[in-house]
PDB file of N, CA and C in Angstrom:
ATOM      1  N   MET A   1       0.857  -1.173   0.000  1.00  0.00           N
ATOM      2  CA  MET A   1       0.000   0.000   0.000  1.00  0.00           C
ATOM      3  C   MET A   1       0.901   1.233   0.000  1.00  0.00           C
ATOM      4  N   LYS A   2       0.559   2.187  -0.825  1.00  0.00           N
ATOM      5  CA  LYS A   2       1.302   3.445  -0.876  1.00  0.00           C
ATOM      6  C   LYS A   2       0.330   4.587  -0.640  1.00  0.00           C
ATOM      7  N   ILE A   3       0.500   5.253   0.463  1.00  0.00           N
ATOM      8  CA  ILE A   3      -0.356   6.390   0.810  1.00  0.00           C
ATOM      9  C   ILE A   3       0.374   7.662   0.431  1.00  0.00           C
ATOM     10  N   LYS A   4      -0.350   8.552  -0.198  1.00  0.00           N
ATOM     11  CA  LYS A   4       0.178   9.873  -0.506  1.00  0.00           C
ATOM     12  C   LYS A   4      -0.828  10.880   0.026  1.00  0.00           C
ATOM     13  N   ARG A   5      -0.409  11.694   0.933  1.00  0.00           N
ATOM     14  CA  ARG A   5      -1.282  12.711   1.523  1.00  0.00           C
ATOM     15  C   ARG A   5      -1.476  13.854   0.543  1.00  0.00           C
ATOM     16  N   PHE A   6      -2.659  14.450   0.594  1.00  0.00           N
ATOM     17  CA  PHE A   6      -2.985  15.562  -0.299  1.00  0.00           C
ATOM     18  C   PHE A   6      -1.940  16.674  -0.180  1.00  0.00           C
ATOM     19  N   ALA A   7      -1.453  16.917   1.028  1.00  0.00           N
ATOM     20  CA  ALA A   7      -0.448  17.959   1.242  1.00  0.00           C
ATOM     21  C   ALA A   7       0.859  17.666   0.510  1.00  0.00           C
ATOM     22  N   GLU A   8       1.075  16.396   0.130  1.00  0.00           N
ATOM     23  CA  GLU A   8       2.299  15.998  -0.566  1.00  0.00           C
ATOM     24  C   GLU A   8       2.155  16.032  -2.083  1.00  0.00           C
ATOM     25  N   ALA A   9       0.954  16.253  -2.591  1.00  0.00           N
ATOM     26  CA  ALA A   9       0.730  16.250  -4.043  1.00  0.00           C
ATOM     27  C   ALA A   9       1.500  17.397  -4.689  1.00  0.00           C
ATOM     28  N   LYS A  10       2.145  17.092  -5.800  1.00  0.00           N
ATOM     29  CA  LYS A  10       2.946  18.080  -6.520  1.00  0.00           C
ATOM     30  C   LYS A  10       2.162  18.618  -7.717  1.00  0.00           C
ATOM     31  N   PRO A  11       2.317  19.914  -8.000  1.00  0.00           N
ATOM     32  CA  PRO A  11       1.641  20.478  -9.164  1.00  0.00           C
ATOM     33  C   PRO A  11       2.252  19.959 -10.464  1.00  0.00           C
ATOM     34  N   TYR A  12       1.460  19.963 -11.515  1.00  0.00           N
ATOM     35  CA  TYR A  12       1.972  19.632 -12.841  1.00  0.00           C
ATOM     36  C   TYR A  12       1.275  20.530 -13.859  1.00  0.00           C
ATOM     37  N   ALA A  13       1.970  20.769 -14.950  1.00  0.00           N
ATOM     38  CA  ALA A  13       1.413  21.559 -16.050  1.00  0.00           C
ATOM     39  C   ALA A  13       0.965  20.597 -17.139  1.00  0.00           C
ATOM     40  N   ALA A  14      -0.227  20.803 -17.651  1.00  0.00           N
ATOM     41  CA  ALA A  14      -0.756  19.956 -18.724  1.00  0.00           C
ATOM     42  C   ALA A  14      -0.769  20.767 -20.012  1.00  0.00           C
ATOM     43  N   PRO A  15      -0.298  20.191 -21.117  1.00  0.00           N
ATOM     44  CA  PRO A  15      -0.279  20.933 -22.367  1.00  0.00           C
ATOM     45  C   PRO A  15      -1.685  21.310 -22.823  1.00  0.00           C
ATOM     46  N   ASN A  16      -1.794  22.480 -23.429  1.00  0.00           N
ATOM     47  CA  ASN A  16      -3.040  22.982 -24.027  1.00  0.00           C
ATOM     48  C   ASN A  16      -4.177  23.130 -23.010  1.00  0.00           C
ATOM     49  N   HIS A  17      -3.843  23.376 -21.753  1.00  0.00           N
ATOM     50  CA  HIS A  17      -4.820  23.683 -20.702  1.00  0.00           C
ATOM     51  C   HIS A  17      -4.655  25.161 -20.334  1.00  0.00           C
ATOM     52  N   TYR A  18      -5.719  25.803 -19.935  1.00  0.00           N
ATOM     53  CA  TYR A  18      -5.649  27.205 -19.548  1.00  0.00           C
ATOM     54  C   TYR A  18      -6.534  27.440 -18.321  1.00  0.00           C
ATOM     55  N   ASP A  19      -6.089  28.351 -17.478  1.00  0.00           N
ATOM     56  CA  ASP A  19      -6.785  28.648 -16.215  1.00  0.00           C
ATOM     57  C   ASP A  19      -7.096  27.366 -15.443  1.00  0.00           C
ATOM     58  N   MET A  20      -6.095  26.497 -15.345  1.00  0.00           N
ATOM     59  CA  MET A  20      -6.207  25.208 -14.667  1.00  0.00           C
ATOM     60  C   MET A  20      -4.958  25.003 -13.820  1.00  0.00           C
ATOM     61  N   ARG A  21      -5.160  24.448 -12.653  1.00  0.00           N
ATOM     62  CA  ARG A  21      -4.043  24.032 -11.802  1.00  0.00           C
ATOM     63  C   ARG A  21      -4.215  22.549 -11.536  1.00  0.00           C
ATOM     64  N   GLY A  22      -3.159  21.784 -11.827  1.00  0.00           N
ATOM     65  CA  GLY A  22      -3.214  20.345 -11.656  1.00  0.00           C
ATOM     66  C   GLY A  22      -2.318  19.867 -10.533  1.00  0.00           C
ATOM     67  N   LEU A  23      -2.776  18.856  -9.820  1.00  0.00           N
ATOM     68  CA  LEU A  23      -1.988  18.193  -8.788  1.00  0.00           C
ATOM     69  C   LEU A  23      -1.925  16.707  -9.097  1.00  0.00           C
ATOM     70  N   ARG A  24      -0.733  16.142  -9.019  1.00  0.00           N
ATOM     71  CA  ARG A  24      -0.577  14.708  -9.240  1.00  0.00           C
ATOM     72  C   ARG A  24      -0.800  13.996  -7.911  1.00  0.00           C
ATOM     73  N   LEU A  25      -1.876  13.217  -7.836  1.00  0.00           N
ATOM     74  CA  LEU A  25      -2.214  12.514  -6.594  1.00  0.00           C
ATOM     75  C   LEU A  25      -1.466  11.194  -6.470  1.00  0.00           C
ATOM     76  N   GLN A  26      -1.326  10.480  -7.586  1.00  0.00           N
ATOM     77  CA  GLN A  26      -0.606   9.204  -7.606  1.00  0.00           C
ATOM     78  C   GLN A  26       0.050   9.053  -8.970  1.00  0.00           C
ATOM     79  N   GLY A  27       1.225   8.450  -8.976  1.00  0.00           N
ATOM     80  CA  GLY A  27       1.877   8.107 -10.230  1.00  0.00           C
ATOM     81  C   GLY A  27       3.149   8.894 -10.490  1.00  0.00           C
ATOM     82  N   PHE A  28       3.922   8.375 -11.462  1.00  0.00           N
ATOM     83  CA  PHE A  28       5.195   8.966 -11.867  1.00  0.00           C
ATOM     84  C   PHE A  28       6.181   9.049 -10.702  1.00  0.00           C
ATOM     85  N   GLU A  29       6.127   8.046  -9.808  1.00  0.00           N
ATOM     86  CA  GLU A  29       7.051   8.036  -8.689  1.00  0.00           C
ATOM     87  C   GLU A  29       7.343   6.593  -8.292  1.00  0.00           C
ATOM     88  N   GLU A  30       8.487   6.394  -7.689  1.00  0.00           N
ATOM     89  CA  GLU A  30       8.889   5.061  -7.268  1.00  0.00           C
ATOM     90  C   GLU A  30       7.882   4.485  -6.288  1.00  0.00           C
ATOM     91  N   GLY A  31       7.514   3.236  -6.494  1.00  0.00           N
ATOM     92  CA  GLY A  31       6.589   2.550  -5.609  1.00  0.00           C
ATOM     93  C   GLY A  31       5.132   2.860  -5.859  1.00  0.00           C
ATOM     94  N   GLY A  32       4.853   3.690  -6.870  1.00  0.00           N
ATOM     95  CA  GLY A  32       3.477   4.064  -7.190  1.00  0.00           C
ATOM     96  C   GLY A  32       2.865   3.137  -8.223  1.00  0.00           C
ATOM     97  N   PRO A  33       1.729   3.511  -8.765  1.00  0.00           N
ATOM     98  CA  PRO A  33       1.054   2.675  -9.752  1.00  0.00           C
ATOM     99  C   PRO A  33       1.960   2.389 -10.948  1.00  0.00           C
ATOM    100  N   GLN A  34       1.833   1.199 -11.493  1.00  0.00           N
ATOM    101  CA  GLN A  34       2.680   0.768 -12.597  1.00  0.00           C
ATOM    102  C   GLN A  34       2.107   1.093 -13.980  1.00  0.00           C
ATOM    103  N   ARG A  35       0.785   1.225 -14.099  1.00  0.00           N
ATOM    104  CA  ARG A  35       0.174   1.353 -15.417  1.00  0.00           C
ATOM    105  C   ARG A  35      -0.595   2.658 -15.646  1.00  0.00           C
ATOM    106  N   PHE A  36      -0.844   3.417 -14.587  1.00  0.00           N
ATOM    107  CA  PHE A  36      -1.646   4.625 -14.744  1.00  0.00           C
ATOM    108  C   PHE A  36      -1.267   5.642 -13.667  1.00  0.00           C
ATOM    109  N   TRP A  37      -1.751   6.862 -13.841  1.00  0.00           N
ATOM    110  CA  TRP A  37      -1.560   7.905 -12.843  1.00  0.00           C
ATOM    111  C   TRP A  37      -2.890   8.622 -12.630  1.00  0.00           C
ATOM    112  N   VAL A  38      -2.983   9.353 -11.509  1.00  0.00           N
ATOM    113  CA  VAL A  38      -4.214  10.059 -11.150  1.00  0.00           C
ATOM    114  C   VAL A  38      -3.870  11.513 -10.826  1.00  0.00           C
ATOM    115  N   GLY A  39      -4.584  12.417 -11.477  1.00  0.00           N
ATOM    116  CA  GLY A  39      -4.401  13.837 -11.216  1.00  0.00           C
ATOM    117  C   GLY A  39      -5.706  14.461 -10.743  1.00  0.00           C
ATOM    118  N   LEU A  40      -5.580  15.625 -10.131  1.00  0.00           N
ATOM    119  CA  LEU A  40      -6.727  16.418  -9.729  1.00  0.00           C
ATOM    120  C   LEU A  40      -6.575  17.770 -10.398  1.00  0.00           C
ATOM    121  N   SER A  41      -7.537  18.129 -11.249  1.00  0.00           N
ATOM    122  CA  SER A  41      -7.489  19.386 -11.984  1.00  0.00           C
ATOM    123  C   SER A  41      -8.520  20.346 -11.424  1.00  0.00           C
ATOM    124  N   HIS A  42      -8.080  21.568 -11.132  1.00  0.00           N
ATOM    125  CA  HIS A  42      -8.963  22.634 -10.681  1.00  0.00           C
ATOM    126  C   HIS A  42      -9.059  23.656 -11.811  1.00  0.00           C
ATOM    127  N   PHE A  43     -10.267  23.833 -12.352  1.00  0.00           N
ATOM    128  CA  PHE A  43     -10.485  24.772 -13.454  1.00  0.00           C
ATOM    129  C   PHE A  43     -11.182  26.025 -12.930  1.00  0.00           C
ATOM    130  N   LEU A  44     -10.559  27.172 -13.144  1.00  0.00           N
ATOM    131  CA  LEU A  44     -11.195  28.439 -12.820  1.00  0.00           C
ATOM    132  C   LEU A  44     -12.375  28.660 -13.756  1.00  0.00           C
ATOM    133  N   PRO A  45     -13.312  29.542 -13.416  1.00  0.00           N
ATOM    134  CA  PRO A  45     -14.379  29.876 -14.362  1.00  0.00           C
ATOM    135  C   PRO A  45     -13.768  30.309 -15.696  1.00  0.00           C
ATOM    136  N   GLY A  46     -14.264  29.733 -16.773  1.00  0.00           N
ATOM    137  CA  GLY A  46     -13.732  30.015 -18.100  1.00  0.00           C
ATOM    138  C   GLY A  46     -12.537  29.174 -18.472  1.00  0.00           C
ATOM    139  N   GLY A  47     -11.995  28.416 -17.542  1.00  0.00           N
ATOM    140  CA  GLY A  47     -10.827  27.584 -17.815  1.00  0.00           C
ATOM    141  C   GLY A  47     -11.203  26.320 -18.573  1.00  0.00           C
ATOM    142  N   GLY A  48     -10.212  25.701 -19.170  1.00  0.00           N
ATOM    143  CA  GLY A  48     -10.495  24.481 -19.909  1.00  0.00           C
ATOM    144  C   GLY A  48      -9.259  23.877 -20.539  1.00  0.00           C
ATOM    145  N   ALA A  49      -9.504  23.041 -21.536  1.00  0.00           N
ATOM    146  CA  ALA A  49      -8.441  22.358 -22.273  1.00  0.00           C
ATOM    147  C   ALA A  49      -8.924  22.035 -23.668  1.00  0.00           C
ATOM    148  N   GLY A  50      -7.983  22.030 -24.607  1.00  0.00           N
ATOM    149  CA  GLY A  50      -8.291  21.659 -25.978  1.00  0.00           C
ATOM    150  C   GLY A  50      -8.818  22.831 -26.776  1.00  0.00           C
ATOM    151  N   PRO A  51      -9.322  22.526 -27.939  1.00  0.00           N
ATOM    152  CA  PRO A  51      -9.574  21.179 -28.457  1.00  0.00           C
ATOM    153  C   PRO A  51      -8.287  20.495 -28.919  1.00  0.00           C
ATOM    154  N   ASP A  52      -8.177  19.233 -28.587  1.00  0.00           N
ATOM    155  CA  ASP A  52      -7.084  18.399 -29.043  1.00  0.00           C
ATOM    156  C   ASP A  52      -7.389  16.942 -28.741  1.00  0.00           C
ATOM    157  N   ALA A  53      -6.466  16.085 -29.126  1.00  0.00           N
ATOM    158  CA  ALA A  53      -6.607  14.641 -28.890  1.00  0.00           C
ATOM    159  C   ALA A  53      -5.259  14.117 -28.433  1.00  0.00           C
ATOM    160  N   SER A  54      -5.274  13.013 -27.723  1.00  0.00           N
ATOM    161  CA  SER A  54      -4.025  12.360 -27.343  1.00  0.00           C
ATOM    162  C   SER A  54      -4.141  10.878 -27.677  1.00  0.00           C
ATOM    163  N   PRO A  55      -3.014  10.207 -27.815  1.00  0.00           N
ATOM    164  CA  PRO A  55      -3.064   8.779 -28.125  1.00  0.00           C
ATOM    165  C   PRO A  55      -3.488   7.919 -26.940  1.00  0.00           C
ATOM    166  N   LEU A  56      -3.670   8.539 -25.776  1.00  0.00           N
ATOM    167  CA  LEU A  56      -3.999   7.794 -24.559  1.00  0.00           C
ATOM    168  C   LEU A  56      -5.452   7.990 -24.168  1.00  0.00           C
ATOM    169  N   GLU A  57      -6.093   6.904 -23.753  1.00  0.00           N
ATOM    170  CA  GLU A  57      -7.450   7.039 -23.227  1.00  0.00           C
ATOM    171  C   GLU A  57      -7.387   7.679 -21.850  1.00  0.00           C
ATOM    172  N   LYS A  58      -8.506   8.238 -21.408  1.00  0.00           N
ATOM    173  CA  LYS A  58      -8.548   8.887 -20.104  1.00  0.00           C
ATOM    174  C   LYS A  58      -9.942   8.813 -19.537  1.00  0.00           C
ATOM    175  N   ILE A  59     -10.023   8.937 -18.236  1.00  0.00           N
ATOM    176  CA  ILE A  59     -11.311   9.002 -17.544  1.00  0.00           C
ATOM    177  C   ILE A  59     -11.324  10.291 -16.741  1.00  0.00           C
ATOM    178  N   TYR A  60     -12.432  11.019 -16.846  1.00  0.00           N
ATOM    179  CA  TYR A  60     -12.658  12.221 -16.046  1.00  0.00           C
ATOM    180  C   TYR A  60     -13.758  11.916 -15.040  1.00  0.00           C
ATOM    181  N   VAL A  61     -13.553  12.317 -13.786  1.00  0.00           N
ATOM    182  CA  VAL A  61     -14.576  12.214 -12.747  1.00  0.00           C
ATOM    183  C   VAL A  61     -14.687  13.596 -12.099  1.00  0.00           C
ATOM    184  N   VAL A  62     -15.807  14.258 -12.295  1.00  0.00           N
ATOM    185  CA  VAL A  62     -15.998  15.575 -11.695  1.00  0.00           C
ATOM    186  C   VAL A  62     -16.278  15.397 -10.207  1.00  0.00           C
ATOM    187  N   VAL A  63     -15.550  16.142  -9.384  1.00  0.00           N
ATOM    188  CA  VAL A  63     -15.754  16.044  -7.934  1.00  0.00           C
ATOM    189  C   VAL A  63     -16.410  17.295  -7.359  1.00  0.00           C
ATOM    190  N   ALA A  64     -16.375  18.401  -8.082  1.00  0.00           N
ATOM    191  CA  ALA A  64     -17.033  19.634  -7.632  1.00  0.00           C
ATOM    192  C   ALA A  64     -17.289  20.527  -8.841  1.00  0.00           C
ATOM    193  N   GLY A  65     -18.390  21.251  -8.804  1.00  0.00           N
ATOM    194  CA  GLY A  65     -18.726  22.151  -9.899  1.00  0.00           C
ATOM    195  C   GLY A  65     -19.246  21.398 -11.106  1.00  0.00           C
ATOM    196  N   GLU A  66     -19.128  22.025 -12.266  1.00  0.00           N
ATOM    197  CA  GLU A  66     -19.571  21.415 -13.526  1.00  0.00           C
ATOM    198  C   GLU A  66     -18.528  21.643 -14.609  1.00  0.00           C
ATOM    199  N   ILE A  67     -18.360  20.648 -15.456  1.00  0.00           N
ATOM    200  CA  ILE A  67     -17.444  20.709 -16.594  1.00  0.00           C
ATOM    201  C   ILE A  67     -18.229  20.344 -17.845  1.00  0.00           C
ATOM    202  N   THR A  68     -18.107  21.168 -18.885  1.00  0.00           N
ATOM    203  CA  THR A  68     -18.710  20.854 -20.179  1.00  0.00           C
ATOM    204  C   THR A  68     -17.667  20.128 -21.017  1.00  0.00           C
ATOM    205  N   VAL A  69     -18.041  18.964 -21.549  1.00  0.00           N
ATOM    206  CA  VAL A  69     -17.155  18.145 -22.377  1.00  0.00           C
ATOM    207  C   VAL A  69     -17.740  18.079 -23.778  1.00  0.00           C
ATOM    208  N   ARG A  70     -16.909  18.371 -24.774  1.00  0.00           N
ATOM    209  CA  ARG A  70     -17.321  18.265 -26.178  1.00  0.00           C
ATOM    210  C   ARG A  70     -16.422  17.241 -26.864  1.00  0.00           C
ATOM    211  N   CYS A  71     -17.053  16.273 -27.532  1.00  0.00           N
ATOM    212  CA  CYS A  71     -16.335  15.208 -28.240  1.00  0.00           C
ATOM    213  C   CYS A  71     -17.120  14.824 -29.477  1.00  0.00           C
ATOM    214  N   ALA A  72     -16.456  14.832 -30.617  1.00  0.00           N
ATOM    215  CA  ALA A  72     -17.042  14.306 -31.856  1.00  0.00           C
ATOM    216  C   ALA A  72     -18.469  14.800 -32.086  1.00  0.00           C
ATOM    217  N   GLY A  73     -18.696  16.096 -31.876  1.00  0.00           N
ATOM    218  CA  GLY A  73     -20.017  16.661 -32.121  1.00  0.00           C
ATOM    219  C   GLY A  73     -21.001  16.509 -30.974  1.00  0.00           C
ATOM    220  N   ASP A  74     -20.641  15.746 -29.947  1.00  0.00           N
ATOM    221  CA  ASP A  74     -21.498  15.599 -28.774  1.00  0.00           C
ATOM    222  C   ASP A  74     -21.050  16.572 -27.690  1.00  0.00           C
ATOM    223  N   GLU A  75     -21.987  17.005 -26.866  1.00  0.00           N
ATOM    224  CA  GLU A  75     -21.672  17.880 -25.739  1.00  0.00           C
ATOM    225  C   GLU A  75     -22.451  17.407 -24.521  1.00  0.00           C
ATOM    226  N   ALA A  76     -21.778  17.398 -23.369  1.00  0.00           N
ATOM    227  CA  ALA A  76     -22.428  17.004 -22.120  1.00  0.00           C
ATOM    228  C   ALA A  76     -21.883  17.862 -20.996  1.00  0.00           C
ATOM    229  N   VAL A  77     -22.750  18.192 -20.048  1.00  0.00           N
ATOM    230  CA  VAL A  77     -22.331  18.886 -18.841  1.00  0.00           C
ATOM    231  C   VAL A  77     -22.262  17.838 -17.732  1.00  0.00           C
ATOM    232  N   LEU A  78     -21.083  17.699 -17.142  1.00  0.00           N
ATOM    233  CA  LEU A  78     -20.868  16.733 -16.063  1.00  0.00           C
ATOM    234  C   LEU A  78     -20.882  17.465 -14.731  1.00  0.00           C
ATOM    235  N   GLY A  79     -21.645  16.947 -13.781  1.00  0.00           N
ATOM    236  CA  GLY A  79     -21.685  17.483 -12.424  1.00  0.00           C
ATOM    237  C   GLY A  79     -20.972  16.551 -11.470  1.00  0.00           C
ATOM    238  N   ALA A  80     -21.062  16.854 -10.199  1.00  0.00           N
ATOM    239  CA  ALA A  80     -20.350  16.091  -9.173  1.00  0.00           C
ATOM    240  C   ALA A  80     -20.637  14.593  -9.280  1.00  0.00           C
ATOM    241  N   LEU A  81     -19.570  13.817  -9.342  1.00  0.00           N
ATOM    242  CA  LEU A  81     -19.530  12.358  -9.425  1.00  0.00           C
ATOM    243  C   LEU A  81     -19.984  11.800 -10.772  1.00  0.00           C
ATOM    244  N   ASP A  82     -20.263  12.665 -11.751  1.00  0.00           N
ATOM    245  CA  ASP A  82     -20.442  12.204 -13.128  1.00  0.00           C
ATOM    246  C   ASP A  82     -19.059  11.926 -13.701  1.00  0.00           C
ATOM    247  N   SER A  83     -18.985  10.995 -14.639  1.00  0.00           N
ATOM    248  CA  SER A  83     -17.697  10.649 -15.238  1.00  0.00           C
ATOM    249  C   SER A  83     -17.857  10.398 -16.725  1.00  0.00           C
ATOM    250  N   CYS A  84     -16.743  10.444 -17.440  1.00  0.00           N
ATOM    251  CA  CYS A  84     -16.761  10.081 -18.856  1.00  0.00           C
ATOM    252  C   CYS A  84     -15.421   9.470 -19.229  1.00  0.00           C
ATOM    253  N   HIS A  85     -15.468   8.659 -20.262  1.00  0.00           N
ATOM    254  CA  HIS A  85     -14.287   8.015 -20.826  1.00  0.00           C
ATOM    255  C   HIS A  85     -14.021   8.669 -22.175  1.00  0.00           C
ATOM    256  N   ILE A  86     -12.781   9.076 -22.420  1.00  0.00           N
ATOM    257  CA  ILE A  86     -12.354   9.625 -23.696  1.00  0.00           C
ATOM    258  C   ILE A  86     -11.399   8.596 -24.300  1.00  0.00           C
ATOM    259  N   GLY A  87     -11.732   8.100 -25.475  1.00  0.00           N
ATOM    260  CA  GLY A  87     -10.919   7.066 -26.106  1.00  0.00           C
ATOM    261  C   GLY A  87      -9.635   7.607 -26.708  1.00  0.00           C
ATOM    262  N   PRO A  88      -8.691   6.708 -27.014  1.00  0.00           N
ATOM    263  CA  PRO A  88      -7.439   7.125 -27.625  1.00  0.00           C
ATOM    264  C   PRO A  88      -7.710   7.830 -28.959  1.00  0.00           C
ATOM    265  N   GLY A  89      -7.055   8.963 -29.173  1.00  0.00           N
ATOM    266  CA  GLY A  89      -7.189   9.692 -30.424  1.00  0.00           C
ATOM    267  C   GLY A  89      -8.495  10.453 -30.584  1.00  0.00           C
ATOM    268  N   GLU A  90      -9.376  10.392 -29.590  1.00  0.00           N
ATOM    269  CA  GLU A  90     -10.672  11.057 -29.689  1.00  0.00           C
ATOM    270  C   GLU A  90     -10.508  12.554 -29.382  1.00  0.00           C
ATOM    271  N   PRO A  91     -10.818  13.430 -30.341  1.00  0.00           N
ATOM    272  CA  PRO A  91     -10.697  14.863 -30.068  1.00  0.00           C
ATOM    273  C   PRO A  91     -11.700  15.280 -28.994  1.00  0.00           C
ATOM    274  N   ARG A  92     -11.241  16.119 -28.078  1.00  0.00           N
ATOM    275  CA  ARG A  92     -12.118  16.569 -26.998  1.00  0.00           C
ATOM    276  C   ARG A  92     -11.772  18.000 -26.618  1.00  0.00           C
ATOM    277  N   GLU A  93     -12.771  18.662 -26.058  1.00  0.00           N
ATOM    278  CA  GLU A  93     -12.583  19.979 -25.473  1.00  0.00           C
ATOM    279  C   GLU A  93     -13.341  19.990 -24.157  1.00  0.00           C
ATOM    280  N   ILE A  94     -12.724  20.543 -23.119  1.00  0.00           N
ATOM    281  CA  ILE A  94     -13.412  20.665 -21.840  1.00  0.00           C
ATOM    282  C   ILE A  94     -13.352  22.125 -21.401  1.00  0.00           C
ATOM    283  N   ARG A  95     -14.401  22.544 -20.697  1.00  0.00           N
ATOM    284  CA  ARG A  95     -14.467  23.949 -20.277  1.00  0.00           C
ATOM    285  C   ARG A  95     -15.365  24.084 -19.048  1.00  0.00           C
ATOM    286  N   ASN A  96     -14.916  24.937 -18.131  1.00  0.00           N
ATOM    287  CA  ASN A  96     -15.731  25.309 -16.983  1.00  0.00           C
ATOM    288  C   ASN A  96     -16.514  26.553 -17.399  1.00  0.00           C
ATOM    289  N   GLU A  97     -17.784  26.373 -17.695  1.00  0.00           N
ATOM    290  CA  GLU A  97     -18.610  27.482 -18.154  1.00  0.00           C
ATOM    291  C   GLU A  97     -19.399  28.129 -17.013  1.00  0.00           C
ATOM    292  N   GLY A  98     -19.154  27.678 -15.778  1.00  0.00           N
ATOM    293  CA  GLY A  98     -19.837  28.241 -14.620  1.00  0.00           C
ATOM    294  C   GLY A  98     -19.020  29.329 -13.953  1.00  0.00           C
ATOM    295  N   ASN A  99     -19.507  29.803 -12.816  1.00  0.00           N
ATOM    296  CA  ASN A  99     -18.842  30.864 -12.065  1.00  0.00           C
ATOM    297  C   ASN A  99     -18.072  30.364 -10.850  1.00  0.00           C
ATOM    298  N   ALA A 100     -18.127  29.068 -10.579  1.00  0.00           N
ATOM    299  CA  ALA A 100     -17.400  28.484  -9.449  1.00  0.00           C
ATOM    300  C   ALA A 100     -16.249  27.631  -9.975  1.00  0.00           C
ATOM    301  N   VAL A 101     -15.245  27.445  -9.155  1.00  0.00           N
ATOM    302  CA  VAL A 101     -14.146  26.543  -9.521  1.00  0.00           C
ATOM    303  C   VAL A 101     -14.713  25.137  -9.694  1.00  0.00           C
ATOM    304  N   ALA A 102     -14.288  24.445 -10.737  1.00  0.00           N
ATOM    305  CA  ALA A 102     -14.688  23.056 -10.979  1.00  0.00           C
ATOM    306  C   ALA A 102     -13.454  22.170 -10.814  1.00  0.00           C
ATOM    307  N   SER A 103     -13.633  21.032 -10.157  1.00  0.00           N
ATOM    308  CA  SER A 103     -12.522  20.118  -9.911  1.00  0.00           C
ATOM    309  C   SER A 103     -12.866  18.739 -10.435  1.00  0.00           C
ATOM    310  N   MET A 104     -11.867  18.078 -11.042  1.00  0.00           N
ATOM    311  CA  MET A 104     -12.110  16.720 -11.527  1.00  0.00           C
ATOM    312  C   MET A 104     -10.854  15.882 -11.424  1.00  0.00           C
ATOM    313  N   LEU A 105     -11.086  14.597 -11.181  1.00  0.00           N
ATOM    314  CA  LEU A 105     -10.016  13.608 -11.218  1.00  0.00           C
ATOM    315  C   LEU A 105      -9.764  13.224 -12.665  1.00  0.00           C
ATOM    316  N   VAL A 106      -8.505  13.006 -12.985  1.00  0.00           N
ATOM    317  CA  VAL A 106      -8.101  12.535 -14.310  1.00  0.00           C
ATOM    318  C   VAL A 106      -7.319  11.250 -14.087  1.00  0.00           C
ATOM    319  N   ILE A 107      -7.753  10.170 -14.724  1.00  0.00           N
ATOM    320  CA  ILE A 107      -7.066   8.883 -14.615  1.00  0.00           C
ATOM    321  C   ILE A 107      -6.602   8.502 -16.013  1.00  0.00           C
ATOM    322  N   MET A 108      -5.294   8.310 -16.171  1.00  0.00           N
ATOM    323  CA  MET A 108      -4.714   8.020 -17.493  1.00  0.00           C
ATOM    324  C   MET A 108      -3.597   6.985 -17.377  1.00  0.00           C
ATOM    325  N   PRO A 109      -3.398   6.201 -18.451  1.00  0.00           N
ATOM    326  CA  PRO A 109      -2.218   5.340 -18.479  1.00  0.00           C
ATOM    327  C   PRO A 109      -0.979   6.202 -18.694  1.00  0.00           C
ATOM    328  N   TYR A 110       0.164   5.647 -18.379  1.00  0.00           N
ATOM    329  CA  TYR A 110       1.428   6.337 -18.674  1.00  0.00           C
ATOM    330  C   TYR A 110       1.641   6.385 -20.173  1.00  0.00           C
ATOM    331  N   PRO A 111       2.351   7.405 -20.645  1.00  0.00           N
ATOM    332  CA  PRO A 111       2.709   7.420 -22.073  1.00  0.00           C
ATOM    333  C   PRO A 111       3.595   6.232 -22.388  1.00  0.00           C
ATOM    334  N   GLU A 112       3.497   5.741 -23.614  1.00  0.00           N
ATOM    335  CA  GLU A 112       4.361   4.633 -24.018  1.00  0.00           C
ATOM    336  C   GLU A 112       5.793   5.122 -24.107  1.00  0.00           C
ATOM    337  N   LYS A 113       6.714   4.295 -23.659  1.00  0.00           N
ATOM    338  CA  LYS A 113       8.128   4.642 -23.711  1.00  0.00           C
ATOM    339  C   LYS A 113       8.616   4.447 -25.133  1.00  0.00           C
ATOM    340  N   THR A 114       9.414   5.421 -25.595  1.00  0.00           N
ATOM    341  CA  THR A 114      10.018   5.304 -26.923  1.00  0.00           C
ATOM    342  C   THR A 114      11.481   4.989 -26.763  1.00  0.00           C
ATOM    343  N   SER A 115      11.964   4.123 -27.617  1.00  0.00           N
ATOM    344  CA  SER A 115      13.370   3.713 -27.517  1.00  0.00           C
ATOM    345  C   SER A 115      14.240   4.562 -28.374  1.00  0.00           C
TER     346      SER A 115
END
């Protein structure tokens, strides 16, 4: 078992994100998960990410506020404890269109290592 206290979480910058602060809760460290990592993203009002796609699938779980997700012509507003899966290569855009900070967990596999 590996416990990481919230106070120990380190910030990270995510490409093509704006008005967002991310904290790495688990992963990218010795003794941590072997196949995936977990982040916590806090989006200010008007903050978001994309539009873009990545080769890695991901899961978003909203823990506070609301996040609007747009994928392949579909749009959904996710509230607390709503989740969605974004497939590999699937273009997506996310945005906090409300007036309160929105927070969500991000669960992703590690990038593939290149030799």
